[in-house]
């Protein structure tokens, strides 16, 4: 009985810490509007800033993004777009968002509804680690990105502003640790 009480207490403390450590909506707005060189933010739990590369035809001979995200091809090799990666927790082998991720997603919804971001379209990318088959990882990551979009729409964000894509394990944050938790993330990219 005592061990059950201790375990329950540790779970509650962990959830409280996760809620306190969640990046604020203001921090998210700042990262999604920043045109500065991308940087890693280590001081904020659940928030990592990454470079969002948009490849154009001159770099690869063809636009590598889905047709709905195609842009005009030009001489520029790649454009860097403001983005952030969030550690969103899902049930195992599922796209059901875990309750401990609600605070982070509430802050994201607030950020996307803010005057600074409300005119911009966004891409929600789902990413996995390298465990499992590539096709399965792409499918589950697409479902998880869609689950995040659905939650944001339920919180009042216009669905037409949000596109989703599942990347699976094709863009690992840490290729030296392909099974690492940092590779399992949802990335938000400002498309404007």
N, C-alpha and C. Protein backbone atom coordinates (compact mmCIF):
# COMPACT_ATOMS: atom_id res chain seq x y z
N UNK A 1 0.83 -1.19 0.00
CA UNK A 1 0.00 0.00 0.00
C UNK A 1 0.87 1.25 0.00
N UNK A 2 1.92 1.21 0.81
CA UNK A 2 2.81 2.37 0.90
C UNK A 2 3.49 2.64 -0.44
N UNK A 3 3.91 1.58 -1.14
CA UNK A 3 4.57 1.77 -2.44
C UNK A 3 3.59 2.36 -3.46
N UNK A 4 2.31 2.00 -3.37
CA UNK A 4 1.29 2.55 -4.25
C UNK A 4 1.13 4.06 -4.01
N UNK A 5 1.14 4.46 -2.77
CA UNK A 5 1.02 5.88 -2.42
C UNK A 5 2.24 6.65 -2.93
N UNK A 6 3.42 6.06 -2.74
CA UNK A 6 4.65 6.73 -3.20
C UNK A 6 4.64 6.85 -4.72
N UNK A 7 4.26 5.79 -5.43
CA UNK A 7 4.18 5.84 -6.90
C UNK A 7 3.18 6.90 -7.36
N UNK A 8 2.03 6.95 -6.72
CA UNK A 8 1.02 7.95 -7.09
C UNK A 8 1.56 9.36 -6.87
N UNK A 9 2.25 9.56 -5.76
CA UNK A 9 2.83 10.87 -5.47
C UNK A 9 3.86 11.25 -6.53
N UNK A 10 4.72 10.32 -6.92
CA UNK A 10 5.75 10.60 -7.93
C UNK A 10 5.12 10.93 -9.28
N UNK A 11 4.07 10.25 -9.64
CA UNK A 11 3.37 10.54 -10.89
C UNK A 11 2.79 11.95 -10.86
N UNK A 12 2.15 12.32 -9.76
CA UNK A 12 1.58 13.67 -9.64
C UNK A 12 2.66 14.74 -9.68
N UNK A 13 3.78 14.51 -9.01
CA UNK A 13 4.89 15.47 -9.03
C UNK A 13 5.44 15.60 -10.45
N UNK A 14 5.59 14.47 -11.14
CA UNK A 14 6.08 14.50 -12.52
C UNK A 14 5.15 15.27 -13.44
N UNK A 15 3.85 15.07 -13.29
CA UNK A 15 2.89 15.80 -14.11
C UNK A 15 2.92 17.29 -13.79
N UNK A 16 3.04 17.63 -12.53
CA UNK A 16 3.11 19.04 -12.14
C UNK A 16 4.36 19.68 -12.72
N UNK A 17 5.49 18.97 -12.68
CA UNK A 17 6.73 19.51 -13.24
C UNK A 17 6.60 19.71 -14.74
N UNK A 18 5.99 18.76 -15.43
CA UNK A 18 5.81 18.87 -16.88
C UNK A 18 4.97 20.09 -17.22
N UNK A 19 3.94 20.36 -16.39
CA UNK A 19 3.09 21.50 -16.66
C UNK A 19 3.84 22.81 -16.40
N UNK A 20 4.64 22.85 -15.35
CA UNK A 20 5.40 24.06 -15.03
C UNK A 20 6.47 24.32 -16.09
N UNK A 21 7.10 23.25 -16.61
CA UNK A 21 8.22 23.39 -17.52
C UNK A 21 7.78 23.58 -18.97
N UNK A 22 6.50 23.52 -19.27
CA UNK A 22 6.02 23.66 -20.64
C UNK A 22 6.36 25.06 -21.16
N UNK A 23 6.82 25.15 -22.42
CA UNK A 23 7.09 26.46 -22.98
C UNK A 23 5.81 27.29 -23.03
N UNK A 24 5.94 28.58 -22.83
CA UNK A 24 4.77 29.45 -22.84
C UNK A 24 4.35 29.76 -24.27
N UNK A 25 3.13 30.26 -24.40
CA UNK A 25 2.64 30.68 -25.72
C UNK A 25 3.51 31.80 -26.27
N UNK A 26 3.96 32.71 -25.40
CA UNK A 26 4.81 33.82 -25.84
C UNK A 26 6.14 33.31 -26.39
N UNK A 27 6.71 32.30 -25.74
CA UNK A 27 7.96 31.72 -26.23
C UNK A 27 7.75 31.04 -27.59
N UNK A 28 6.61 30.41 -27.75
CA UNK A 28 6.30 29.77 -29.02
C UNK A 28 6.11 30.80 -30.13
N UNK A 29 5.41 31.89 -29.83
CA UNK A 29 5.22 32.96 -30.81
C UNK A 29 6.57 33.50 -31.25
N UNK A 30 7.43 33.74 -30.28
CA UNK A 30 8.76 34.27 -30.59
C UNK A 30 9.52 33.34 -31.54
N UNK A 31 9.49 32.04 -31.28
CA UNK A 31 10.22 31.09 -32.13
C UNK A 31 9.59 30.97 -33.51
N UNK A 32 8.27 31.05 -33.60
CA UNK A 32 7.60 30.88 -34.88
C UNK A 32 7.59 32.15 -35.73
N UNK A 33 8.01 33.26 -35.17
CA UNK A 33 8.11 34.50 -35.95
C UNK A 33 9.55 34.90 -36.16
N UNK A 34 10.47 34.21 -35.55
CA UNK A 34 11.89 34.56 -35.63
C UNK A 34 12.44 34.22 -37.01
N UNK A 35 13.09 35.18 -37.63
CA UNK A 35 13.75 34.92 -38.91
C UNK A 35 15.25 34.81 -38.72
N UNK A 36 15.66 34.74 -37.47
CA UNK A 36 17.08 34.59 -37.18
C UNK A 36 17.52 33.16 -37.45
N UNK A 37 18.83 32.97 -37.42
CA UNK A 37 19.40 31.65 -37.62
C UNK A 37 18.84 30.70 -36.55
N UNK A 38 18.36 29.51 -36.95
CA UNK A 38 17.80 28.57 -35.99
C UNK A 38 18.81 28.20 -34.92
N UNK A 39 18.31 27.92 -33.73
CA UNK A 39 19.16 27.55 -32.61
C UNK A 39 18.48 26.49 -31.78
N UNK A 40 19.27 25.78 -31.01
CA UNK A 40 18.71 24.80 -30.08
C UNK A 40 18.42 25.51 -28.77
N UNK A 41 17.27 25.26 -28.21
CA UNK A 41 16.90 25.83 -26.93
C UNK A 41 16.89 24.70 -25.92
N UNK A 42 17.88 24.69 -25.04
CA UNK A 42 17.98 23.61 -24.07
C UNK A 42 17.28 23.93 -22.76
N UNK A 43 16.99 25.20 -22.53
CA UNK A 43 16.45 25.59 -21.23
C UNK A 43 14.96 25.34 -21.10
N UNK A 44 14.28 25.03 -22.18
CA UNK A 44 12.84 24.83 -22.13
C UNK A 44 12.50 23.38 -22.40
N UNK A 45 11.89 22.75 -21.46
CA UNK A 45 11.46 21.38 -21.66
C UNK A 45 10.33 21.37 -22.68
N UNK A 46 10.29 20.37 -23.53
CA UNK A 46 9.28 20.19 -24.57
C UNK A 46 9.43 21.14 -25.75
N UNK A 47 10.48 21.94 -25.83
CA UNK A 47 10.63 22.87 -26.94
C UNK A 47 12.03 22.78 -27.50
N UNK A 48 12.13 22.49 -28.77
CA UNK A 48 13.40 22.46 -29.47
C UNK A 48 13.22 23.22 -30.76
N UNK A 49 14.13 24.11 -31.07
CA UNK A 49 14.06 24.87 -32.30
C UNK A 49 14.96 24.20 -33.31
N UNK A 50 14.44 23.95 -34.50
CA UNK A 50 15.21 23.32 -35.56
C UNK A 50 15.10 24.17 -36.81
N UNK A 51 16.06 23.98 -37.72
CA UNK A 51 15.96 24.61 -39.02
C UNK A 51 14.93 23.86 -39.83
N UNK A 52 14.03 24.56 -40.45
CA UNK A 52 13.06 23.94 -41.35
C UNK A 52 13.49 24.28 -42.76
N UNK A 53 14.07 23.33 -43.44
CA UNK A 53 14.58 23.54 -44.77
C UNK A 53 13.47 23.32 -45.79
N UNK A 54 13.34 24.23 -46.71
CA UNK A 54 12.39 24.07 -47.81
C UNK A 54 13.24 23.94 -49.06
N UNK A 55 13.28 22.73 -49.60
CA UNK A 55 14.13 22.48 -50.77
C UNK A 55 13.41 22.95 -52.03
N UNK A 56 14.18 23.55 -52.89
CA UNK A 56 13.61 24.00 -54.15
C UNK A 56 14.17 23.16 -55.27
N UNK A 57 13.63 23.33 -56.44
CA UNK A 57 14.02 22.54 -57.60
C UNK A 57 15.48 22.62 -57.95
N UNK A 58 16.14 23.75 -57.70
CA UNK A 58 17.53 23.89 -58.09
C UNK A 58 18.46 23.03 -57.24
N UNK A 59 18.01 22.61 -56.08
CA UNK A 59 18.86 21.81 -55.21
C UNK A 59 18.77 20.33 -55.55
N UNK A 60 17.58 19.84 -55.83
CA UNK A 60 17.42 18.41 -56.02
C UNK A 60 16.90 18.02 -57.40
N UNK A 61 16.60 19.01 -58.22
CA UNK A 61 16.04 18.72 -59.52
C UNK A 61 14.53 18.63 -59.49
N UNK A 62 13.95 18.53 -58.32
CA UNK A 62 12.49 18.50 -58.18
C UNK A 62 12.11 18.92 -56.77
N UNK A 63 10.91 19.40 -56.63
CA UNK A 63 10.43 19.82 -55.32
C UNK A 63 10.12 18.56 -54.53
N UNK A 64 10.76 18.40 -53.35
CA UNK A 64 10.63 17.18 -52.56
C UNK A 64 9.43 17.19 -51.64
N UNK A 65 8.70 18.29 -51.57
CA UNK A 65 7.55 18.37 -50.67
C UNK A 65 6.30 17.88 -51.37
N UNK A 66 5.27 17.53 -50.60
CA UNK A 66 4.01 17.11 -51.20
C UNK A 66 3.46 18.22 -52.09
N UNK A 67 2.68 17.88 -53.13
CA UNK A 67 2.16 18.87 -54.06
C UNK A 67 1.40 20.01 -53.39
N UNK A 68 0.69 19.72 -52.31
CA UNK A 68 -0.08 20.77 -51.64
C UNK A 68 0.82 21.79 -50.95
N UNK A 69 2.11 21.49 -50.82
CA UNK A 69 3.05 22.42 -50.20
C UNK A 69 4.03 22.99 -51.20
N UNK A 70 3.83 22.74 -52.48
CA UNK A 70 4.78 23.17 -53.50
C UNK A 70 4.91 24.68 -53.52
N UNK A 71 6.12 25.14 -53.81
CA UNK A 71 6.38 26.57 -53.93
C UNK A 71 7.05 26.81 -55.27
N UNK A 72 7.13 28.08 -55.65
CA UNK A 72 7.81 28.41 -56.89
C UNK A 72 9.27 28.05 -56.78
N UNK A 73 9.81 27.49 -57.85
CA UNK A 73 11.21 27.14 -57.86
C UNK A 73 12.03 28.35 -58.27
N UNK A 74 13.20 28.50 -57.67
CA UNK A 74 14.04 29.63 -57.97
C UNK A 74 15.49 29.30 -57.73
N UNK A 75 16.36 30.28 -57.83
CA UNK A 75 17.79 30.03 -57.69
C UNK A 75 18.22 29.73 -56.26
N UNK A 76 17.38 30.06 -55.30
CA UNK A 76 17.74 29.85 -53.90
C UNK A 76 17.73 28.35 -53.60
N UNK A 77 18.80 27.84 -52.96
CA UNK A 77 18.92 26.41 -52.69
C UNK A 77 17.94 25.95 -51.63
N UNK A 78 17.83 26.67 -50.54
CA UNK A 78 16.90 26.28 -49.48
C UNK A 78 16.56 27.50 -48.65
N UNK A 79 15.31 27.62 -48.26
CA UNK A 79 14.87 28.71 -47.40
C UNK A 79 14.66 28.14 -46.00
N UNK A 80 15.09 28.88 -45.00
CA UNK A 80 14.89 28.44 -43.63
C UNK A 80 13.64 29.13 -43.10
N UNK A 81 12.74 28.34 -42.57
CA UNK A 81 11.48 28.86 -42.04
C UNK A 81 11.46 28.70 -40.53
N UNK A 82 10.84 29.66 -39.84
CA UNK A 82 10.73 29.52 -38.38
C UNK A 82 9.96 28.25 -38.02
N UNK A 83 10.48 27.52 -37.06
CA UNK A 83 9.82 26.29 -36.65
C UNK A 83 10.19 25.97 -35.20
N UNK A 84 9.43 25.06 -34.63
CA UNK A 84 9.77 24.54 -33.31
C UNK A 84 9.30 23.11 -33.23
N UNK A 85 10.00 22.34 -32.43
CA UNK A 85 9.64 20.94 -32.21
C UNK A 85 9.16 20.79 -30.78
N UNK A 86 8.05 20.11 -30.64
CA UNK A 86 7.46 19.88 -29.33
C UNK A 86 7.43 18.40 -29.03
N UNK A 87 7.74 18.05 -27.81
CA UNK A 87 7.65 16.67 -27.36
C UNK A 87 6.22 16.43 -26.90
N UNK A 88 5.42 15.88 -27.78
CA UNK A 88 4.03 15.56 -27.48
C UNK A 88 3.95 14.06 -27.19
N UNK A 89 3.37 13.71 -26.07
CA UNK A 89 3.29 12.31 -25.66
C UNK A 89 2.01 11.68 -26.19
N UNK A 90 2.15 10.48 -26.75
CA UNK A 90 1.02 9.71 -27.26
C UNK A 90 1.01 8.35 -26.55
N UNK A 91 -0.17 7.74 -26.49
CA UNK A 91 -0.24 6.38 -25.97
C UNK A 91 0.62 5.49 -26.87
N UNK A 92 1.15 4.41 -26.31
CA UNK A 92 2.01 3.50 -27.05
C UNK A 92 1.27 2.95 -28.26
N UNK A 93 1.95 2.99 -29.41
CA UNK A 93 1.42 2.42 -30.66
C UNK A 93 0.06 3.02 -31.01
N UNK A 94 -0.09 4.33 -30.77
CA UNK A 94 -1.38 4.99 -30.94
C UNK A 94 -1.17 6.45 -31.31
N UNK A 95 -2.23 7.08 -31.78
CA UNK A 95 -2.19 8.52 -32.02
C UNK A 95 -3.05 9.28 -31.01
N UNK A 96 -3.41 8.62 -29.91
CA UNK A 96 -4.16 9.27 -28.83
C UNK A 96 -3.19 10.10 -27.99
N UNK A 97 -3.45 11.39 -27.89
CA UNK A 97 -2.59 12.31 -27.15
C UNK A 97 -2.76 12.07 -25.66
N UNK A 98 -1.64 11.97 -24.96
CA UNK A 98 -1.68 11.72 -23.52
C UNK A 98 -2.01 13.01 -22.77
N UNK A 99 -2.67 12.90 -21.63
CA UNK A 99 -3.10 14.08 -20.86
C UNK A 99 -1.95 15.02 -20.49
N UNK A 100 -0.75 14.49 -20.25
CA UNK A 100 0.36 15.35 -19.85
C UNK A 100 0.81 16.31 -20.96
N UNK A 101 0.36 16.10 -22.18
CA UNK A 101 0.71 16.99 -23.28
C UNK A 101 -0.30 18.11 -23.49
N UNK A 102 -1.38 18.10 -22.73
CA UNK A 102 -2.44 19.10 -22.91
C UNK A 102 -1.95 20.53 -22.66
N UNK A 103 -1.11 20.73 -21.66
CA UNK A 103 -0.63 22.08 -21.35
C UNK A 103 0.17 22.64 -22.52
N UNK A 104 1.07 21.83 -23.08
CA UNK A 104 1.88 22.27 -24.22
C UNK A 104 0.97 22.61 -25.41
N UNK A 105 -0.03 21.78 -25.66
CA UNK A 105 -0.93 22.02 -26.78
C UNK A 105 -1.86 23.20 -26.53
N UNK A 106 -2.24 23.43 -25.28
CA UNK A 106 -3.01 24.64 -24.94
C UNK A 106 -2.18 25.88 -25.27
N UNK A 107 -0.90 25.86 -24.90
CA UNK A 107 -0.02 27.00 -25.19
C UNK A 107 0.16 27.18 -26.69
N UNK A 108 0.27 26.07 -27.42
CA UNK A 108 0.40 26.16 -28.88
C UNK A 108 -0.86 26.78 -29.49
N UNK A 109 -2.02 26.37 -29.05
CA UNK A 109 -3.27 26.94 -29.57
C UNK A 109 -3.33 28.43 -29.27
N UNK A 110 -2.94 28.82 -28.07
CA UNK A 110 -2.91 30.25 -27.72
C UNK A 110 -1.95 31.01 -28.63
N UNK A 111 -0.78 30.42 -28.88
CA UNK A 111 0.22 31.06 -29.74
C UNK A 111 -0.32 31.22 -31.16
N UNK A 112 -0.92 30.17 -31.71
CA UNK A 112 -1.41 30.23 -33.10
C UNK A 112 -2.59 31.19 -33.24
N UNK A 113 -3.33 31.41 -32.16
CA UNK A 113 -4.46 32.34 -32.19
C UNK A 113 -4.04 33.78 -31.92
N UNK A 114 -2.79 33.99 -31.54
CA UNK A 114 -2.32 35.33 -31.19
C UNK A 114 -2.28 36.23 -32.44
N UNK A 115 -2.41 37.54 -32.24
CA UNK A 115 -2.35 38.47 -33.38
C UNK A 115 -1.05 38.33 -34.19
N UNK A 116 0.03 37.97 -33.54
CA UNK A 116 1.32 37.84 -34.24
C UNK A 116 1.35 36.66 -35.20
N UNK A 117 0.52 35.64 -34.98
CA UNK A 117 0.57 34.43 -35.81
C UNK A 117 -0.74 34.11 -36.52
N UNK A 118 -1.83 34.80 -36.20
CA UNK A 118 -3.14 34.37 -36.71
C UNK A 118 -3.29 34.45 -38.22
N UNK A 119 -2.43 35.16 -38.91
CA UNK A 119 -2.53 35.25 -40.37
C UNK A 119 -1.67 34.22 -41.09
N UNK A 120 -0.85 33.47 -40.37
CA UNK A 120 0.10 32.56 -41.00
C UNK A 120 -0.43 31.13 -41.12
N UNK A 121 -0.07 30.44 -42.21
CA UNK A 121 -0.36 29.01 -42.32
C UNK A 121 0.79 28.21 -41.69
N UNK A 122 0.49 27.03 -41.20
CA UNK A 122 1.49 26.20 -40.54
C UNK A 122 1.42 24.76 -41.04
N UNK A 123 2.56 24.11 -41.00
CA UNK A 123 2.66 22.69 -41.29
C UNK A 123 2.94 21.97 -39.97
N UNK A 124 2.18 20.93 -39.70
CA UNK A 124 2.40 20.10 -38.52
C UNK A 124 3.03 18.80 -39.01
N UNK A 125 4.29 18.60 -38.63
CA UNK A 125 5.02 17.40 -39.04
C UNK A 125 5.07 16.41 -37.88
N UNK A 126 4.73 15.16 -38.16
CA UNK A 126 4.89 14.10 -37.18
C UNK A 126 6.20 13.38 -37.45
N UNK A 127 6.97 13.11 -36.40
CA UNK A 127 8.26 12.42 -36.53
C UNK A 127 8.34 11.28 -35.52
N UNK A 128 9.02 10.22 -35.90
CA UNK A 128 9.23 9.08 -35.01
C UNK A 128 10.73 8.81 -34.88
N UNK A 129 11.07 7.87 -33.98
CA UNK A 129 12.44 7.38 -33.95
C UNK A 129 12.55 6.30 -35.02
N UNK A 130 13.68 5.63 -35.10
CA UNK A 130 13.92 4.66 -36.17
C UNK A 130 13.47 3.24 -35.82
N UNK A 131 12.85 3.06 -34.67
CA UNK A 131 12.37 1.73 -34.31
C UNK A 131 11.14 1.40 -35.15
N UNK A 132 11.10 0.21 -35.71
CA UNK A 132 9.95 -0.21 -36.51
C UNK A 132 10.15 0.01 -37.99
N UNK A 133 9.21 -0.46 -38.78
CA UNK A 133 9.27 -0.38 -40.23
C UNK A 133 9.02 1.06 -40.70
N UNK A 134 9.70 1.45 -41.75
CA UNK A 134 9.61 2.82 -42.26
C UNK A 134 8.18 3.20 -42.62
N UNK A 135 7.45 2.33 -43.29
CA UNK A 135 6.07 2.64 -43.70
C UNK A 135 5.16 2.79 -42.49
N UNK A 136 5.32 1.92 -41.50
CA UNK A 136 4.52 2.03 -40.29
C UNK A 136 4.82 3.36 -39.58
N UNK A 137 6.10 3.72 -39.46
CA UNK A 137 6.49 4.97 -38.80
C UNK A 137 5.91 6.18 -39.53
N UNK A 138 5.92 6.15 -40.86
CA UNK A 138 5.35 7.25 -41.63
C UNK A 138 3.85 7.36 -41.36
N UNK A 139 3.17 6.20 -41.33
CA UNK A 139 1.72 6.20 -41.11
C UNK A 139 1.36 6.71 -39.71
N UNK A 140 2.03 6.19 -38.67
CA UNK A 140 1.70 6.62 -37.30
C UNK A 140 2.07 8.08 -37.10
N UNK A 141 3.15 8.54 -37.72
CA UNK A 141 3.53 9.95 -37.56
C UNK A 141 2.51 10.86 -38.26
N UNK A 142 1.96 10.41 -39.38
CA UNK A 142 0.90 11.19 -40.06
C UNK A 142 -0.36 11.24 -39.21
N UNK A 143 -0.71 10.12 -38.58
CA UNK A 143 -1.88 10.08 -37.71
C UNK A 143 -1.69 10.98 -36.49
N UNK A 144 -0.49 11.01 -35.95
CA UNK A 144 -0.21 11.85 -34.79
C UNK A 144 -0.24 13.33 -35.16
N UNK A 145 0.29 13.68 -36.33
CA UNK A 145 0.22 15.07 -36.78
C UNK A 145 -1.25 15.48 -36.96
N UNK A 146 -2.06 14.58 -37.52
CA UNK A 146 -3.48 14.86 -37.71
C UNK A 146 -4.18 15.01 -36.37
N UNK A 147 -3.81 14.20 -35.37
CA UNK A 147 -4.41 14.29 -34.04
C UNK A 147 -4.12 15.66 -33.41
N UNK A 148 -2.89 16.16 -33.61
CA UNK A 148 -2.55 17.48 -33.10
C UNK A 148 -3.37 18.54 -33.82
N UNK A 149 -3.50 18.42 -35.14
CA UNK A 149 -4.33 19.37 -35.90
C UNK A 149 -5.77 19.34 -35.39
N UNK A 150 -6.34 18.15 -35.23
CA UNK A 150 -7.72 18.02 -34.77
C UNK A 150 -7.91 18.69 -33.41
N UNK A 151 -6.95 18.52 -32.52
CA UNK A 151 -7.04 19.14 -31.20
C UNK A 151 -6.98 20.66 -31.32
N UNK A 152 -6.09 21.17 -32.18
CA UNK A 152 -5.98 22.62 -32.36
C UNK A 152 -7.26 23.20 -32.97
N UNK A 153 -7.85 22.49 -33.92
CA UNK A 153 -9.11 22.93 -34.52
C UNK A 153 -10.20 22.95 -33.46
N UNK A 154 -10.23 21.94 -32.60
CA UNK A 154 -11.22 21.90 -31.52
C UNK A 154 -11.03 23.07 -30.55
N UNK A 155 -9.82 23.62 -30.49
CA UNK A 155 -9.53 24.76 -29.61
C UNK A 155 -9.71 26.10 -30.35
N UNK A 156 -10.27 26.06 -31.57
CA UNK A 156 -10.62 27.29 -32.27
C UNK A 156 -9.67 27.74 -33.36
N UNK A 157 -8.64 26.97 -33.66
CA UNK A 157 -7.72 27.34 -34.74
C UNK A 157 -8.34 26.90 -36.06
N UNK A 158 -8.34 27.80 -37.04
CA UNK A 158 -8.93 27.50 -38.34
C UNK A 158 -8.17 26.37 -39.03
N UNK A 159 -8.88 25.31 -39.38
CA UNK A 159 -8.28 24.13 -39.99
C UNK A 159 -7.58 24.41 -41.31
N UNK A 160 -8.07 25.38 -42.06
CA UNK A 160 -7.47 25.70 -43.36
C UNK A 160 -6.04 26.25 -43.21
N UNK A 161 -5.69 26.73 -42.02
CA UNK A 161 -4.33 27.25 -41.77
C UNK A 161 -3.35 26.15 -41.46
N UNK A 162 -3.84 24.94 -41.22
CA UNK A 162 -2.99 23.85 -40.74
C UNK A 162 -2.93 22.71 -41.75
N UNK A 163 -1.73 22.34 -42.14
CA UNK A 163 -1.50 21.18 -42.99
C UNK A 163 -0.72 20.17 -42.17
N UNK A 164 -0.83 18.91 -42.53
CA UNK A 164 -0.12 17.87 -41.79
C UNK A 164 0.66 16.98 -42.73
N UNK A 165 1.72 16.39 -42.19
CA UNK A 165 2.50 15.41 -42.94
C UNK A 165 3.18 14.49 -41.93
N UNK A 166 3.28 13.23 -42.28
CA UNK A 166 4.00 12.26 -41.47
C UNK A 166 5.36 12.00 -42.08
N UNK A 167 6.41 12.25 -41.33
CA UNK A 167 7.77 12.08 -41.82
C UNK A 167 8.40 10.78 -41.34
N UNK A 168 7.75 10.09 -40.41
CA UNK A 168 8.34 8.87 -39.88
C UNK A 168 9.70 9.17 -39.27
N UNK A 169 10.67 8.34 -39.61
CA UNK A 169 12.03 8.53 -39.09
C UNK A 169 12.96 9.10 -40.15
N UNK A 170 12.41 9.73 -41.17
CA UNK A 170 13.23 10.23 -42.29
C UNK A 170 14.07 11.46 -41.93
N UNK A 171 13.74 12.18 -40.86
CA UNK A 171 14.48 13.38 -40.48
C UNK A 171 14.79 13.34 -38.98
N UNK A 172 15.72 12.47 -38.62
CA UNK A 172 16.09 12.32 -37.21
C UNK A 172 16.80 13.56 -36.71
N UNK A 173 16.47 13.98 -35.49
CA UNK A 173 17.17 15.09 -34.85
C UNK A 173 18.59 14.65 -34.50
N UNK A 174 18.72 13.42 -34.02
CA UNK A 174 20.01 12.88 -33.61
C UNK A 174 20.23 11.55 -34.33
N UNK A 175 20.92 11.62 -35.46
CA UNK A 175 21.20 10.41 -36.25
C UNK A 175 22.12 9.46 -35.50
N UNK A 176 22.88 9.96 -34.54
CA UNK A 176 23.77 9.11 -33.74
C UNK A 176 22.99 8.29 -32.72
N UNK A 177 21.77 8.68 -32.42
CA UNK A 177 20.90 7.95 -31.49
C UNK A 177 19.54 7.78 -32.15
N UNK A 178 19.45 6.94 -33.18
CA UNK A 178 18.21 6.83 -33.95
C UNK A 178 17.00 6.36 -33.15
N UNK A 179 17.21 5.72 -32.01
CA UNK A 179 16.10 5.28 -31.17
C UNK A 179 15.81 6.28 -30.06
N UNK A 180 16.54 7.38 -30.02
CA UNK A 180 16.41 8.36 -28.94
C UNK A 180 15.06 9.05 -28.92
N UNK A 181 14.64 9.40 -27.72
CA UNK A 181 13.34 10.06 -27.52
C UNK A 181 13.26 11.41 -28.22
N UNK A 182 14.39 12.10 -28.38
CA UNK A 182 14.38 13.42 -29.03
C UNK A 182 13.92 13.33 -30.49
N UNK A 183 13.98 12.16 -31.08
CA UNK A 183 13.54 11.98 -32.46
C UNK A 183 12.02 11.87 -32.56
N UNK A 184 11.36 11.55 -31.47
CA UNK A 184 9.89 11.44 -31.44
C UNK A 184 9.32 12.79 -31.08
N UNK A 185 8.79 13.49 -32.08
CA UNK A 185 8.38 14.87 -31.86
C UNK A 185 7.33 15.27 -32.87
N UNK A 186 6.72 16.42 -32.59
CA UNK A 186 5.82 17.07 -33.53
C UNK A 186 6.45 18.42 -33.82
N UNK A 187 6.68 18.70 -35.08
CA UNK A 187 7.34 19.94 -35.48
C UNK A 187 6.30 20.86 -36.13
N UNK A 188 6.32 22.11 -35.72
CA UNK A 188 5.40 23.14 -36.24
C UNK A 188 6.25 24.08 -37.09
N UNK A 189 5.88 24.24 -38.37
CA UNK A 189 6.65 25.06 -39.30
C UNK A 189 5.76 26.19 -39.82
N UNK A 190 6.26 27.42 -39.71
CA UNK A 190 5.57 28.59 -40.25
C UNK A 190 5.81 28.59 -41.76
N UNK A 191 4.76 28.46 -42.57
CA UNK A 191 4.88 28.36 -44.02
C UNK A 191 4.92 29.69 -44.74
N UNK A 192 4.78 30.79 -44.01
CA UNK A 192 4.77 32.09 -44.69
C UNK A 192 6.12 32.76 -44.62
